[in-house]
């Protein structure tokens, strides 16, 4: 049964979120990031992703 575009986007976004979370946890575990820095990084990343997903104005 073929996947719909919505399913593919959902699966991609789930894998992306898991990869980002793993990298951030790894950064905290190695001392490269504090939890406060990780929270700030996630907030900034969320803003970038939301801007990337906003539809472009037509016209």
Protein backbone atom coordinates (compact mmCIF):
# COMPACT_ATOMS: atom_id res chain seq x y z
CA UNK A 1 0.00 0.00 0.00
CA UNK A 2 1.61 3.32 -1.08
CA UNK A 3 2.14 6.06 1.49
CA UNK A 4 0.47 9.39 1.05
CA UNK A 5 2.47 12.62 1.03
CA UNK A 6 1.17 13.36 4.53
CA UNK A 7 2.48 10.06 5.84
CA UNK A 8 5.88 10.64 4.23
CA UNK A 9 6.13 14.13 5.75
CA UNK A 10 5.13 12.76 9.14
CA UNK A 11 7.73 10.01 8.99
CA UNK A 12 10.44 12.43 7.82
CA UNK A 13 9.63 14.95 10.54
CA UNK A 14 9.61 12.20 13.18
CA UNK A 15 13.04 10.96 12.08
CA UNK A 16 14.34 14.55 11.97
CA UNK A 17 13.08 15.31 15.48
CA UNK A 18 14.60 12.11 16.84
CA UNK A 19 17.95 12.85 15.17
CA UNK A 20 18.04 16.38 16.58
CA UNK A 21 17.08 15.16 20.05
CA UNK A 22 19.80 12.49 19.95
CA UNK A 23 22.44 14.98 18.87
CA UNK A 24 21.45 17.42 21.61
CA UNK A 25 21.44 14.68 24.25
CA UNK A 26 24.89 13.66 23.03
CA UNK A 27 26.09 17.24 23.29
CA UNK A 28 24.86 17.47 26.87
CA UNK A 29 26.31 14.07 27.75
CA UNK A 30 29.78 15.06 26.49
CA UNK A 31 29.65 18.46 28.17
CA UNK A 32 29.61 20.37 24.88
CA UNK A 33 26.21 21.81 25.87
CA UNK A 34 24.46 22.54 29.12
CA UNK A 35 20.75 21.78 29.45
CA UNK A 36 20.08 25.54 29.37
CA UNK A 37 22.03 25.85 26.11
CA UNK A 38 20.19 22.84 24.72
CA UNK A 39 16.84 24.47 25.54
CA UNK A 40 17.94 27.70 23.87
CA UNK A 41 19.19 25.80 20.83
CA UNK A 42 15.87 23.98 20.50
CA UNK A 43 13.91 27.23 20.76
CA UNK A 44 16.02 28.80 18.00
CA UNK A 45 15.81 25.71 15.83
CA UNK A 46 12.03 25.64 16.24
CA UNK A 47 11.85 29.24 14.97
CA UNK A 48 14.01 28.42 11.93
CA UNK A 49 11.93 25.35 11.07
CA UNK A 50 8.65 27.22 11.48
CA UNK A 51 9.90 29.99 9.18
CA UNK A 52 11.01 27.42 6.63
CA UNK A 53 7.58 25.80 6.65
CA UNK A 54 5.56 29.00 6.30
CA UNK A 55 3.92 29.25 2.89
CA UNK A 56 5.31 31.97 0.66
CA UNK A 57 2.96 34.86 -0.14
CA UNK A 58 1.43 34.66 -3.58
CA UNK A 59 1.77 37.64 -5.85
